[in-house]
Amino acid sequence: MFERLAEIEARYEEVTRLLADPDVVSDHRRLQELGRERSQLETVVALYRRYRDAQDALEDARALARDADEEMRTLGREEEDRLVAELAQLDQDLKLALLPRDPADDKDVIVEIRGGTGGEEAALFAADLYRMYQRYAERQRWKTEVINTSEASAGGYKEIVFEVHGQGAYSRLKYESGVHRVQRVPETEAQGRIHTSTATVAVLPEVDEVDVDIDWGQVRIDIFHSGGAGGQNVNKVATAVRMTHEPTGIVVTCQDERSQAKNRAKAEAVLRARIYELERAAAAAEQAGARRAQVGTGERSEKIRTYNFPQDRVTDHRVNLTLHSIPRILDGEIDPLIDAVAMDEQAQLLQAVG
């Protein structure tokens, strides 16, 4: 590990020198690339230097613990105990910092929420989840933008697709992929019986054209009249766009914008994200020998969380964590849930690397 850390520090110093090079400064793209690399290396290098400083201080403390003066020996032993604990924590932090990093973590995301089992109640729950992520994004100072909606007759959404733009959006929201289950008494239930409904959430990293190669000759594009909101415009002008990627069967529809060009651009973004995620999943399955991890699979068939209204509790089944105060959670206070799953994933990765 320490050989690798020394190499990282050497690269960090090299990048720092390059950032002051006039040739690099005049190349805006190269400057950005090196700036991002330096930022990524900086945390690891800072931890490594703190570790080395603590090691040097520990040697001094142990020397002090052998001093002829009893008071100095006591001070030395106390400092030794503190530094041993600090080094153990720094060692753990360094191992975490060196874990393989998901290259998509810094990307913006496309979130797809669909009502599952439960009919009208599932659609209403899908709307609750959308508001939850919208509020979470606001708390993170991220921006959201709706791509496509399919509203249910009694309210809520059969489907809603939206973008989230912000630093590290995928690194946090990726843990939300899966089946979310709600247990509550619907407003339409006269006898007060508790119903169980579900909604599926898919979180996809938004990718650039260079990240995924699409043969547009294999994409069928249909233009049609929007069936959503938009007044008379939607009946007069065909602006909705449907794209079908024939090799994979992926279908993307976008109709919320008044402009066909905007709908087309958004549909292309969703199609790229879905194909990219499909390729990532295939590569991950091959690399892991098709082994499925408990945390972070992102599979839509995986029930990850239950929202039980009568008991005012939310349970994340991946880490057996139960929290209370559903109103606060649905208002976007989901960091404790995300943190628990992320920490569990880190623990599993640390165990895997030995």
Protein backbone atom coordinates (compact mmCIF):
# COMPACT_ATOMS: atom_id res chain seq x y z
CA MET A 1 0.00 0.00 0.00
CA PHE A 2 2.76 2.45 0.91
CA GLU A 3 4.59 1.92 -2.39
CA ARG A 4 1.38 2.88 -4.16
CA LEU A 5 0.97 5.91 -1.90
CA ALA A 6 4.50 7.05 -2.73
CA GLU A 7 3.69 6.77 -6.44
CA ILE A 8 0.49 8.78 -5.96
CA GLU A 9 2.40 11.49 -4.09
CA ALA A 10 5.00 11.66 -6.87
CA ARG A 11 2.27 12.00 -9.48
CA TYR A 12 0.56 14.70 -7.38
CA GLU A 13 3.78 16.72 -7.27
CA GLU A 14 4.29 16.23 -11.02
CA VAL A 15 0.74 17.43 -11.78
CA THR A 16 1.26 20.44 -9.49
CA ARG A 17 4.39 21.38 -11.48
CA LEU A 18 2.56 20.89 -14.79
CA LEU A 19 -0.23 23.22 -13.69
CA ALA A 20 2.35 26.02 -13.46
CA ASP A 21 3.78 25.25 -16.92
CA PRO A 22 2.99 28.08 -19.41
CA ASP A 23 2.26 25.56 -22.18
CA VAL A 24 -0.35 23.86 -19.98
CA VAL A 25 -1.85 27.15 -18.80
CA SER A 26 -2.48 28.15 -22.41
CA ASP A 27 -4.25 24.81 -23.13
CA HIS A 28 -7.62 25.21 -21.44
CA ARG A 29 -8.70 21.58 -21.89
CA ARG A 30 -5.40 20.17 -20.61
CA LEU A 31 -5.52 22.59 -17.69
CA GLN A 32 -8.98 21.35 -16.71
CA GLU A 33 -7.95 17.69 -16.96
CA LEU A 34 -4.91 18.20 -14.76
CA GLY A 35 -6.92 20.29 -12.32
CA ARG A 36 -9.44 17.49 -11.90
CA GLU A 37 -6.65 14.91 -11.48
CA ARG A 38 -4.91 17.01 -8.84
CA SER A 39 -8.17 17.45 -6.96
CA GLN A 40 -8.73 13.68 -6.94
CA LEU A 41 -5.19 12.96 -5.72
CA GLU A 42 -5.15 15.70 -3.09
CA THR A 43 -7.21 13.88 -0.43
CA VAL A 44 -5.07 10.74 -0.60
CA VAL A 45 -1.82 12.70 -0.51
CA ALA A 46 -2.98 14.77 2.47
CA LEU A 47 -3.87 11.58 4.40
CA TYR A 48 -0.52 9.99 3.49
CA ARG A 49 1.40 13.02 4.73
CA ARG A 50 -0.59 13.10 7.95
CA TYR A 51 0.22 9.41 8.42
CA ARG A 52 3.96 10.02 7.96
CA ASP A 53 3.88 13.00 10.35
CA ALA A 54 2.07 10.87 12.94
CA GLN A 55 4.69 8.12 12.55
CA ASP A 56 7.51 10.61 13.17
CA ALA A 57 5.65 11.99 16.19
CA LEU A 58 5.16 8.45 17.51
CA GLU A 59 8.90 7.80 17.42
CA ASP A 60 9.46 11.03 19.38
CA ALA A 61 6.76 10.04 21.90
CA ARG A 62 8.32 6.61 22.42
CA ALA A 63 11.70 8.23 23.00
CA LEU A 64 10.08 10.56 25.51
CA ALA A 65 8.49 7.57 27.26
CA ARG A 66 12.04 6.33 28.00
CA ASP A 67 13.12 9.64 29.55
CA ALA A 68 14.74 9.62 32.98
CA ASP A 69 12.12 12.00 34.33
CA GLU A 70 8.91 10.28 35.49
CA GLU A 71 6.67 13.20 34.48
CA MET A 72 8.16 13.22 30.97
CA ARG A 73 7.72 9.45 30.72
CA THR A 74 4.04 9.83 31.61
CA LEU A 75 3.59 12.52 28.95
CA GLY A 76 5.37 10.32 26.42
CA ARG A 77 3.14 7.30 27.14
CA GLU A 78 -0.02 9.41 26.87
CA GLU A 79 1.13 10.84 23.55
CA GLU A 80 2.09 7.37 22.35
CA ASP A 81 -1.40 6.02 23.09
CA ARG A 82 -3.03 8.94 21.26
CA LEU A 83 -0.81 8.57 18.20
CA VAL A 84 -1.27 4.79 17.98
CA ALA A 85 -5.05 5.35 17.83
CA GLU A 86 -4.62 8.16 15.27
CA LEU A 87 -2.40 5.99 13.05
CA ALA A 88 -4.93 3.16 13.15
CA GLN A 89 -7.66 5.56 11.99
CA LEU A 90 -5.44 7.06 9.29
CA ASP A 91 -4.56 3.57 8.07
CA GLN A 92 -8.28 2.80 7.70
CA ASP A 93 -8.91 6.14 5.97
CA LEU A 94 -6.07 5.48 3.52
CA LYS A 95 -7.41 2.04 2.64
CA LEU A 96 -10.82 3.58 1.95
CA ALA A 97 -9.27 6.34 -0.15
CA LEU A 98 -7.42 3.78 -2.25
CA LEU A 99 -10.49 1.69 -3.02
CA PRO A 100 -11.40 1.53 -6.73
CA ARG A 101 -13.49 4.58 -7.55
CA ASP A 102 -16.57 4.41 -9.72
CA PRO A 103 -15.70 6.60 -12.75
CA ALA A 104 -19.34 7.67 -12.96
CA ASP A 105 -19.46 9.09 -9.41
CA ASP A 106 -18.96 12.71 -10.49
CA LYS A 107 -21.55 12.56 -13.26
CA ASP A 108 -25.00 14.10 -13.34
CA VAL A 109 -27.83 11.58 -13.23
CA ILE A 110 -31.08 10.63 -14.89
CA VAL A 111 -33.64 9.27 -12.45
CA GLU A 112 -36.57 7.16 -13.62
CA ILE A 113 -39.44 6.50 -11.20
CA ARG A 114 -42.30 4.20 -12.17
CA GLY A 115 -45.38 3.18 -10.25
CA GLY A 116 -45.32 -0.59 -9.65
CA THR A 117 -47.87 -2.83 -8.00
CA GLY A 118 -50.76 -1.06 -6.33
CA GLY A 119 -52.49 0.87 -9.11
CA GLU A 120 -53.44 4.44 -8.20
CA GLU A 121 -51.69 4.23 -4.83
CA ALA A 122 -48.44 3.21 -6.57
CA ALA A 123 -48.69 6.28 -8.81
CA LEU A 124 -49.21 8.53 -5.79
CA PHE A 125 -46.21 6.94 -4.08
CA ALA A 126 -44.11 7.53 -7.22
CA ALA A 127 -45.01 11.23 -6.89
CA ASP A 128 -43.96 11.16 -3.22
CA LEU A 129 -40.58 9.71 -4.18
CA TYR A 130 -40.11 12.33 -6.89
CA ARG A 131 -40.77 15.12 -4.36
CA MET A 132 -38.38 13.43 -1.92
CA TYR A 133 -35.53 13.47 -4.45
CA GLN A 134 -36.43 16.98 -5.55
CA ARG A 135 -36.15 18.20 -1.95
CA TYR A 136 -32.93 16.24 -1.45
CA ALA A 137 -31.47 17.89 -4.54
CA GLU A 138 -32.45 21.31 -3.20
CA ARG A 139 -30.67 20.54 0.07
CA GLN A 140 -27.53 19.63 -1.91
CA ARG A 141 -27.90 22.75 -4.10
CA TRP A 142 -28.34 20.56 -7.16
CA LYS A 143 -30.65 21.42 -10.05
CA THR A 144 -33.44 19.15 -11.30
CA GLU A 145 -35.14 19.17 -14.68
CA VAL A 146 -38.06 16.97 -15.73
CA ILE A 147 -37.54 15.03 -18.97
CA ASN A 148 -40.79 13.14 -19.32
CA THR A 149 -43.94 12.40 -17.31
CA SER A 150 -46.88 10.08 -17.62
CA GLU A 151 -49.54 11.14 -15.15
CA ALA A 152 -52.10 8.81 -13.59
CA SER A 153 -55.80 9.65 -13.78
CA ALA A 154 -56.20 9.91 -10.00
CA GLY A 155 -52.99 11.88 -9.52
CA GLY A 156 -49.36 10.94 -9.18
CA TYR A 157 -47.21 9.44 -11.90
CA LYS A 158 -47.23 6.22 -13.82
CA GLU A 159 -43.72 7.33 -14.77
CA ILE A 160 -41.54 10.38 -14.28
CA VAL A 161 -38.03 10.82 -15.67
CA PHE A 162 -35.85 13.74 -14.57
CA GLU A 163 -32.26 14.95 -14.55
CA VAL A 164 -30.22 15.95 -11.51
CA HIS A 165 -27.25 18.23 -12.14
CA GLY A 166 -24.68 18.64 -9.39
CA GLN A 167 -21.22 17.65 -8.19
CA GLY A 168 -21.21 14.03 -7.04
CA ALA A 169 -24.91 13.47 -7.79
CA TYR A 170 -24.40 9.90 -9.00
CA SER A 171 -22.12 9.02 -6.07
CA ARG A 172 -25.05 9.62 -3.71
CA LEU A 173 -28.20 8.82 -5.67
CA LYS A 174 -26.92 5.54 -7.14
CA TYR A 175 -27.86 3.83 -3.87
CA GLU A 176 -31.52 4.65 -4.49
CA SER A 177 -31.90 2.23 -7.42
CA GLY A 178 -34.33 -0.59 -6.72
CA VAL A 179 -37.86 -1.27 -5.54
CA HIS A 180 -39.34 1.04 -2.88
CA ARG A 181 -42.34 -0.35 -0.99
CA VAL A 182 -44.98 1.68 0.84
CA GLN A 183 -47.45 0.43 3.44
CA ARG A 184 -50.27 2.86 4.28
CA VAL A 185 -54.02 3.43 4.18
CA PRO A 186 -54.96 5.02 0.84
CA GLU A 187 -57.23 8.06 0.91
CA THR A 188 -59.76 6.09 -1.13
CA GLU A 189 -59.87 3.22 1.39
CA ALA A 190 -63.15 3.58 3.33
CA GLN A 191 -62.49 0.75 5.80
CA GLY A 192 -59.02 1.88 6.83
CA ARG A 193 -57.18 -1.17 5.52
CA ILE A 194 -53.45 -0.91 4.97
CA HIS A 195 -52.37 -1.41 1.37
CA THR A 196 -48.91 -2.34 0.11
CA SER A 197 -47.72 -0.69 -3.09
CA THR A 198 -44.39 -0.32 -4.83
CA ALA A 199 -42.49 2.00 -7.13
CA THR A 200 -39.25 1.32 -8.96
CA VAL A 201 -36.36 3.76 -9.08
CA ALA A 202 -33.54 3.61 -11.62
CA VAL A 203 -30.58 6.00 -11.31
CA LEU A 204 -28.44 6.30 -14.44
CA PRO A 205 -25.24 8.33 -14.86
CA GLU A 206 -25.67 10.94 -17.57
CA VAL A 207 -22.98 10.45 -20.20
CA ASP A 208 -21.43 12.40 -23.05
CA GLU A 209 -21.44 11.22 -26.64
CA VAL A 210 -17.82 10.09 -26.32
CA ASP A 211 -18.70 7.78 -23.41
CA VAL A 212 -20.96 5.49 -25.43
CA ASP A 213 -20.97 4.61 -29.12
CA ILE A 214 -24.45 4.53 -30.66
CA ASP A 215 -25.07 3.55 -34.26
CA TRP A 216 -27.94 5.92 -35.02
CA GLY A 217 -28.79 3.85 -38.08
CA GLN A 218 -30.06 1.25 -35.58
CA VAL A 219 -32.33 3.75 -33.79
CA ARG A 220 -35.90 4.18 -34.99
CA ILE A 221 -37.22 7.67 -34.30
CA ASP A 222 -40.96 8.40 -34.25
CA ILE A 223 -42.43 11.90 -34.00
CA PHE A 224 -45.99 12.25 -32.70
CA HIS A 225 -48.41 14.61 -30.98
CA SER A 226 -47.86 14.99 -27.26
CA GLY A 227 -50.56 13.72 -24.95
CA GLY A 228 -49.43 15.76 -21.96
CA ALA A 229 -49.83 19.32 -20.77
CA GLY A 230 -49.12 22.20 -23.09
CA GLY A 231 -52.43 23.67 -24.16
CA GLN A 232 -53.40 23.95 -27.80
CA ASN A 233 -49.79 23.67 -28.94
CA VAL A 234 -49.65 19.92 -28.27
CA ASN A 235 -52.63 19.30 -30.56
CA LYS A 236 -51.34 21.42 -33.44
CA VAL A 237 -47.64 20.49 -33.59
CA ALA A 238 -46.05 17.05 -33.42
CA THR A 239 -43.27 17.60 -30.86
CA ALA A 240 -43.08 14.33 -28.92
CA VAL A 241 -40.19 12.01 -29.70
CA ARG A 242 -39.92 8.25 -29.30
CA MET A 243 -36.59 6.50 -29.87
CA THR A 244 -36.26 2.72 -30.17
CA HIS A 245 -32.77 1.22 -30.03
CA GLU A 246 -33.32 -1.93 -32.07
CA PRO A 247 -30.28 -3.98 -30.90
CA THR A 248 -31.31 -3.73 -27.22
CA GLY A 249 -35.03 -2.99 -27.49
CA ILE A 250 -34.65 0.12 -25.30
CA VAL A 251 -37.48 2.60 -25.86
CA VAL A 252 -37.28 6.23 -24.77
CA THR A 253 -40.15 8.73 -25.00
CA CYS A 254 -39.91 12.46 -24.35
CA GLN A 255 -42.89 14.78 -24.75
CA ASP A 256 -42.79 17.38 -21.96
CA GLU A 257 -41.06 20.10 -23.97
CA ARG A 258 -42.93 22.24 -26.52
CA SER A 259 -39.98 22.00 -28.92
CA GLN A 260 -39.36 18.84 -30.92
CA ALA A 261 -35.62 19.65 -30.91
CA LYS A 262 -35.54 19.85 -27.10
CA ASN A 263 -37.51 16.62 -26.74
CA ARG A 264 -35.13 14.94 -29.16
CA ALA A 265 -32.06 16.13 -27.27
CA LYS A 266 -33.45 14.90 -23.97
CA ALA A 267 -34.47 11.56 -25.47
CA GLU A 268 -30.94 11.14 -26.83
CA ALA A 269 -29.50 11.83 -23.37
CA VAL A 270 -31.74 9.19 -21.76
CA LEU A 271 -30.96 6.66 -24.49
CA ARG A 272 -27.22 7.18 -24.06
CA ALA A 273 -27.54 6.78 -20.29
CA ARG A 274 -29.54 3.54 -20.57
CA ILE A 275 -27.16 1.98 -23.09
CA TYR A 276 -24.15 3.09 -21.02
CA GLU A 277 -25.63 1.53 -17.89
CA LEU A 278 -26.41 -1.67 -19.79
CA GLU A 279 -22.78 -1.90 -20.91
CA ARG A 280 -21.51 -1.09 -17.39
CA ALA A 281 -23.71 -3.80 -15.88
CA ALA A 282 -22.51 -6.38 -18.41
CA ALA A 283 -18.86 -5.49 -17.78
CA ALA A 284 -19.34 -5.60 -14.00
CA ALA A 285 -21.05 -9.00 -14.18
CA GLU A 286 -18.21 -10.39 -16.28
CA GLN A 287 -15.54 -8.91 -14.05
CA ALA A 288 -17.16 -10.26 -10.88
CA GLY A 289 -17.89 -13.66 -12.36
CA ALA A 290 -21.60 -12.84 -12.33
CA ARG A 291 -21.47 -12.55 -8.51
CA ARG A 292 -24.21 -10.35 -7.12
CA ALA A 293 -23.33 -8.15 -4.17
CA GLN A 294 -25.97 -7.39 -1.59
CA VAL A 295 -25.36 -3.66 -1.76
CA GLY A 296 -25.21 -1.45 -4.80
CA THR A 297 -26.44 -3.83 -7.48
CA GLY A 298 -28.91 -1.20 -8.66
CA GLU A 299 -31.27 -3.86 -9.94
CA ARG A 300 -34.85 -2.72 -10.25
CA SER A 301 -36.15 -6.08 -9.03
CA GLU A 302 -34.36 -5.67 -5.70
CA LYS A 303 -36.59 -4.47 -2.85
CA ILE A 304 -34.39 -2.02 -1.03
CA ARG A 305 -36.66 -0.03 1.29
CA THR A 306 -40.05 -0.06 3.01
CA TYR A 307 -41.96 3.07 4.08
CA ASN A 308 -44.45 2.01 6.77
CA PHE A 309 -46.81 4.90 7.55
CA PRO A 310 -48.80 3.35 10.44
CA GLN A 311 -45.56 2.72 12.36
CA ASP A 312 -43.89 5.91 11.07
CA ARG A 313 -40.78 4.01 10.07
CA VAL A 314 -38.53 3.55 7.05
CA THR A 315 -36.46 0.37 6.82
CA ASP A 316 -33.58 -0.15 4.42
CA HIS A 317 -33.40 -3.90 3.93
CA ARG A 318 -29.86 -3.92 2.55
CA VAL A 319 -28.34 -2.85 5.86
CA ASN A 320 -31.22 -3.59 8.26
CA LEU A 321 -31.48 0.06 9.23
CA THR A 322 -34.76 1.48 10.54
CA LEU A 323 -35.41 5.20 10.96
CA HIS A 324 -38.51 7.06 12.08
CA SER A 325 -40.23 10.30 11.04
CA ILE A 326 -41.44 9.55 7.53
CA PRO A 327 -42.44 13.21 6.92
CA ARG A 328 -38.82 14.32 7.38
CA ILE A 329 -37.50 11.56 5.15
CA LEU A 330 -40.00 12.31 2.39
CA ASP A 331 -38.95 15.94 2.73
CA GLY A 332 -35.52 14.95 1.51
CA GLU A 333 -33.64 14.08 4.70
CA ILE A 334 -32.25 10.83 3.30
CA ASP A 335 -28.53 11.28 3.96
CA PRO A 336 -28.56 8.85 6.94
CA LEU A 337 -30.04 6.14 4.71
CA ILE A 338 -27.57 6.78 1.90
CA ASP A 339 -24.62 6.99 4.32
CA ALA A 340 -25.46 3.63 5.90
CA VAL A 341 -25.57 1.82 2.55
CA ALA A 342 -22.42 3.57 1.28
CA MET A 343 -20.50 2.63 4.45
CA ASP A 344 -21.65 -0.97 4.19
CA GLU A 345 -20.47 -1.10 0.60
CA GLN A 346 -17.09 0.31 1.62
CA ALA A 347 -16.78 -2.34 4.35
CA GLN A 348 -17.49 -5.09 1.83
CA LEU A 349 -14.92 -3.68 -0.60
CA LEU A 350 -12.30 -3.47 2.16
CA GLN A 351 -13.00 -7.06 3.09
CA ALA A 352 -12.71 -8.12 -0.55
CA VAL A 353 -9.28 -6.51 -1.00
CA GLY A 354 -8.10 -8.06 2.25
